Amino acid sequence: MAAHIIPHFQNDAGHDVIEIGVTEFMCVGANPPFDHPHVYLDMGDEGEKVCGYCSTLYRYNPALKAEQSLPAGCLYIERAA
C-alpha cells in the first residue's frame, strides 16, 4: 500500500480545532465507516480552514511535521481490507 502524498487527517474524537504541519491536506471526517467524502483542503494564506463536511477547524502550525497533529493521533492511516 502506498503512502499518501498529501496527508489525510481524521477527527474521530470530535476536536473543535486540529493543528497540523501542512497547508494542503485531505479531511476524511472520522475513520471508516463513519467517514465523509475525502476532500482536499488548501488553507492558502489564511493559515486555517474549516472542513465543509464535518466543520473541523484545521490550523497550520509550522512547528509540526507533515504527519503530526495537535492533539496527536489525527493522521488518517488507511487500513488493509
N, C-alpha and C. Protein backbone atom coordinates (compact mmCIF):
# COMPACT_ATOMS: atom_id res chain seq x y z
N MET A 1 0.85 -1.18 0.00
CA MET A 1 0.00 0.00 0.00
C MET A 1 0.89 1.24 0.00
N ALA A 2 0.64 2.14 -0.90
CA ALA A 2 1.44 3.36 -1.00
C ALA A 2 1.01 4.38 0.04
N ALA A 3 1.97 5.14 0.50
CA ALA A 3 1.66 6.22 1.45
C ALA A 3 0.98 7.36 0.70
N HIS A 4 0.16 8.10 1.40
CA HIS A 4 -0.49 9.26 0.79
C HIS A 4 0.57 10.34 0.54
N ILE A 5 0.53 10.95 -0.63
CA ILE A 5 1.43 12.07 -0.91
C ILE A 5 0.95 13.29 -0.15
N ILE A 6 -0.34 13.52 -0.15
CA ILE A 6 -0.94 14.60 0.62
C ILE A 6 -1.47 13.98 1.91
N PRO A 7 -1.06 14.48 3.07
CA PRO A 7 -1.52 13.87 4.33
C PRO A 7 -3.04 13.92 4.46
N HIS A 8 -3.59 12.87 5.03
CA HIS A 8 -5.02 12.76 5.31
C HIS A 8 -5.21 12.81 6.82
N PHE A 9 -6.19 13.57 7.26
CA PHE A 9 -6.46 13.70 8.69
C PHE A 9 -7.91 13.32 8.99
N GLN A 10 -8.12 12.77 10.20
CA GLN A 10 -9.45 12.37 10.66
C GLN A 10 -9.70 12.98 12.04
N ASN A 11 -10.96 13.01 12.41
CA ASN A 11 -11.34 13.63 13.69
C ASN A 11 -12.33 12.73 14.43
N ASP A 12 -11.92 11.50 14.72
CA ASP A 12 -12.77 10.57 15.47
C ASP A 12 -13.19 11.12 16.83
N ALA A 13 -12.31 11.87 17.46
CA ALA A 13 -12.56 12.35 18.83
C ALA A 13 -13.44 13.59 18.87
N GLY A 14 -13.74 14.19 17.73
CA GLY A 14 -14.61 15.35 17.71
C GLY A 14 -13.96 16.63 18.21
N HIS A 15 -12.67 16.81 17.96
CA HIS A 15 -11.98 18.03 18.37
C HIS A 15 -12.54 19.24 17.61
N ASP A 16 -12.61 20.36 18.28
CA ASP A 16 -13.05 21.60 17.60
C ASP A 16 -11.97 22.11 16.67
N VAL A 17 -10.70 22.01 17.10
CA VAL A 17 -9.55 22.52 16.33
C VAL A 17 -8.48 21.45 16.30
N ILE A 18 -7.89 21.25 15.12
CA ILE A 18 -6.75 20.36 14.97
C ILE A 18 -5.63 21.16 14.31
N GLU A 19 -4.49 21.22 14.96
CA GLU A 19 -3.31 21.87 14.39
C GLU A 19 -2.53 20.84 13.59
N ILE A 20 -2.09 21.23 12.38
CA ILE A 20 -1.33 20.32 11.52
C ILE A 20 -0.14 21.05 10.92
N GLY A 21 0.82 20.29 10.42
CA GLY A 21 2.07 20.86 9.91
C GLY A 21 2.10 21.09 8.42
N VAL A 22 0.94 21.10 7.76
CA VAL A 22 0.85 21.35 6.32
C VAL A 22 -0.31 22.29 6.05
N THR A 23 -0.28 22.92 4.87
CA THR A 23 -1.40 23.80 4.49
C THR A 23 -2.29 23.17 3.43
N GLU A 24 -1.85 22.08 2.82
CA GLU A 24 -2.64 21.34 1.85
C GLU A 24 -2.79 19.92 2.36
N PHE A 25 -4.03 19.43 2.43
CA PHE A 25 -4.28 18.15 3.07
C PHE A 25 -5.66 17.63 2.67
N MET A 26 -5.97 16.42 3.11
CA MET A 26 -7.28 15.83 2.90
C MET A 26 -7.94 15.63 4.26
N CYS A 27 -9.23 15.91 4.34
CA CYS A 27 -10.02 15.62 5.53
C CYS A 27 -10.93 14.45 5.18
N VAL A 28 -10.96 13.45 6.05
CA VAL A 28 -11.81 12.28 5.83
C VAL A 28 -12.96 12.22 6.84
N GLY A 29 -13.03 13.20 7.72
CA GLY A 29 -14.05 13.18 8.77
C GLY A 29 -13.61 12.29 9.90
N ALA A 30 -14.24 11.16 10.06
CA ALA A 30 -13.86 10.16 11.05
C ALA A 30 -13.34 8.94 10.29
N ASN A 31 -12.82 7.98 11.02
CA ASN A 31 -12.37 6.75 10.38
C ASN A 31 -13.57 5.98 9.85
N PRO A 32 -13.40 5.25 8.72
CA PRO A 32 -14.49 4.45 8.19
C PRO A 32 -15.02 3.48 9.24
N PRO A 33 -16.29 3.22 9.25
CA PRO A 33 -17.29 3.56 8.24
C PRO A 33 -17.98 4.90 8.49
N PHE A 34 -17.46 5.71 9.36
CA PHE A 34 -18.10 6.98 9.73
C PHE A 34 -17.47 8.17 9.02
N ASP A 35 -16.71 7.91 7.97
CA ASP A 35 -16.04 8.99 7.24
C ASP A 35 -17.03 9.72 6.33
N HIS A 36 -16.59 10.88 5.86
CA HIS A 36 -17.35 11.61 4.85
C HIS A 36 -16.51 11.57 3.57
N PRO A 37 -17.01 12.08 2.45
CA PRO A 37 -16.17 12.09 1.24
C PRO A 37 -14.80 12.73 1.57
N HIS A 38 -13.74 12.10 1.11
CA HIS A 38 -12.40 12.60 1.38
C HIS A 38 -12.17 13.83 0.52
N VAL A 39 -12.04 14.98 1.18
CA VAL A 39 -11.97 16.25 0.47
C VAL A 39 -10.60 16.90 0.63
N TYR A 40 -10.13 17.48 -0.48
CA TYR A 40 -8.88 18.22 -0.50
C TYR A 40 -9.14 19.62 0.03
N LEU A 41 -8.32 20.06 0.97
CA LEU A 41 -8.44 21.41 1.52
C LEU A 41 -7.11 22.12 1.41
N ASP A 42 -7.16 23.39 1.10
CA ASP A 42 -5.96 24.24 0.98
C ASP A 42 -6.20 25.48 1.82
N MET A 43 -5.35 25.69 2.82
CA MET A 43 -5.51 26.84 3.72
C MET A 43 -5.15 28.16 3.05
N GLY A 44 -4.39 28.12 1.97
CA GLY A 44 -3.94 29.36 1.34
C GLY A 44 -3.13 30.18 2.32
N ASP A 45 -3.29 31.49 2.28
CA ASP A 45 -2.53 32.39 3.15
C ASP A 45 -3.17 32.57 4.52
N GLU A 46 -4.38 32.08 4.71
CA GLU A 46 -5.10 32.30 5.97
C GLU A 46 -4.52 31.51 7.13
N GLY A 47 -3.93 30.33 6.85
CA GLY A 47 -3.35 29.53 7.93
C GLY A 47 -4.37 28.70 8.69
N GLU A 48 -5.62 28.68 8.23
CA GLU A 48 -6.63 27.82 8.82
C GLU A 48 -7.75 27.59 7.82
N LYS A 49 -8.46 26.47 8.01
CA LYS A 49 -9.54 26.11 7.09
C LYS A 49 -10.54 25.24 7.81
N VAL A 50 -11.82 25.47 7.57
CA VAL A 50 -12.90 24.67 8.14
C VAL A 50 -13.36 23.68 7.07
N CYS A 51 -13.46 22.41 7.45
CA CYS A 51 -13.99 21.40 6.54
C CYS A 51 -15.50 21.62 6.39
N GLY A 52 -15.96 21.69 5.17
CA GLY A 52 -17.37 21.91 4.89
C GLY A 52 -18.26 20.73 5.25
N TYR A 53 -17.69 19.56 5.42
CA TYR A 53 -18.48 18.37 5.76
C TYR A 53 -18.61 18.18 7.27
N CYS A 54 -17.48 18.23 7.99
CA CYS A 54 -17.52 17.88 9.41
C CYS A 54 -17.30 19.09 10.33
N SER A 55 -17.06 20.26 9.76
CA SER A 55 -16.88 21.52 10.50
C SER A 55 -15.65 21.54 11.40
N THR A 56 -14.70 20.64 11.16
CA THR A 56 -13.44 20.68 11.91
C THR A 56 -12.62 21.87 11.43
N LEU A 57 -12.11 22.65 12.37
CA LEU A 57 -11.21 23.76 12.04
C LEU A 57 -9.79 23.23 12.08
N TYR A 58 -9.11 23.29 10.94
CA TYR A 58 -7.70 22.91 10.85
C TYR A 58 -6.87 24.18 10.87
N ARG A 59 -5.83 24.17 11.67
CA ARG A 59 -4.97 25.35 11.81
C ARG A 59 -3.51 24.94 11.55
N TYR A 60 -2.81 25.70 10.73
CA TYR A 60 -1.42 25.42 10.41
C TYR A 60 -0.52 25.75 11.59
N ASN A 61 0.37 24.82 11.92
CA ASN A 61 1.36 25.01 12.98
C ASN A 61 2.72 24.64 12.37
N PRO A 62 3.56 25.62 12.04
CA PRO A 62 4.83 25.33 11.37
C PRO A 62 5.81 24.53 12.21
N ALA A 63 5.57 24.39 13.49
CA ALA A 63 6.45 23.60 14.35
C ALA A 63 6.20 22.10 14.20
N LEU A 64 5.10 21.73 13.53
CA LEU A 64 4.75 20.31 13.35
C LEU A 64 5.25 19.79 12.01
N LYS A 65 5.58 18.50 11.96
CA LYS A 65 5.91 17.84 10.70
C LYS A 65 4.62 17.51 9.97
N ALA A 66 4.73 17.14 8.70
CA ALA A 66 3.56 16.90 7.85
C ALA A 66 2.62 15.84 8.42
N GLU A 67 3.15 14.85 9.12
CA GLU A 67 2.34 13.76 9.63
C GLU A 67 1.90 13.96 11.07
N GLN A 68 2.20 15.10 11.66
CA GLN A 68 1.88 15.34 13.06
C GLN A 68 0.62 16.20 13.20
N SER A 69 -0.01 16.08 14.35
CA SER A 69 -1.17 16.91 14.66
C SER A 69 -1.20 17.17 16.16
N LEU A 70 -1.85 18.26 16.52
CA LEU A 70 -2.16 18.58 17.91
C LEU A 70 -3.67 18.80 17.97
N PRO A 71 -4.39 18.02 18.72
CA PRO A 71 -3.94 16.89 19.51
C PRO A 71 -3.39 15.78 18.63
N ALA A 72 -2.55 14.96 19.22
CA ALA A 72 -1.91 13.87 18.49
C ALA A 72 -2.93 12.81 18.08
N GLY A 73 -2.57 12.04 17.04
CA GLY A 73 -3.41 10.92 16.64
C GLY A 73 -4.46 11.20 15.59
N CYS A 74 -4.39 12.35 14.93
CA CYS A 74 -5.41 12.70 13.94
C CYS A 74 -5.01 12.36 12.51
N LEU A 75 -3.80 11.85 12.30
CA LEU A 75 -3.39 11.42 10.97
C LEU A 75 -4.21 10.18 10.60
N TYR A 76 -4.81 10.19 9.42
CA TYR A 76 -5.59 9.05 8.94
C TYR A 76 -4.64 8.03 8.35
N ILE A 77 -4.72 6.80 8.82
CA ILE A 77 -3.91 5.71 8.29
C ILE A 77 -4.87 4.68 7.70
N GLU A 78 -4.76 4.49 6.41
CA GLU A 78 -5.65 3.57 5.71
C GLU A 78 -5.36 2.14 6.16
N ARG A 79 -6.38 1.45 6.53
CA ARG A 79 -6.26 0.06 6.99
C ARG A 79 -6.42 -0.90 5.81
N ALA A 80 -5.68 -1.99 5.83
CA ALA A 80 -5.81 -3.00 4.79
C ALA A 80 -7.18 -3.68 4.89
N ALA A 81 -7.74 -4.00 3.75
CA ALA A 81 -9.08 -4.62 3.72
C ALA A 81 -9.08 -6.03 4.25
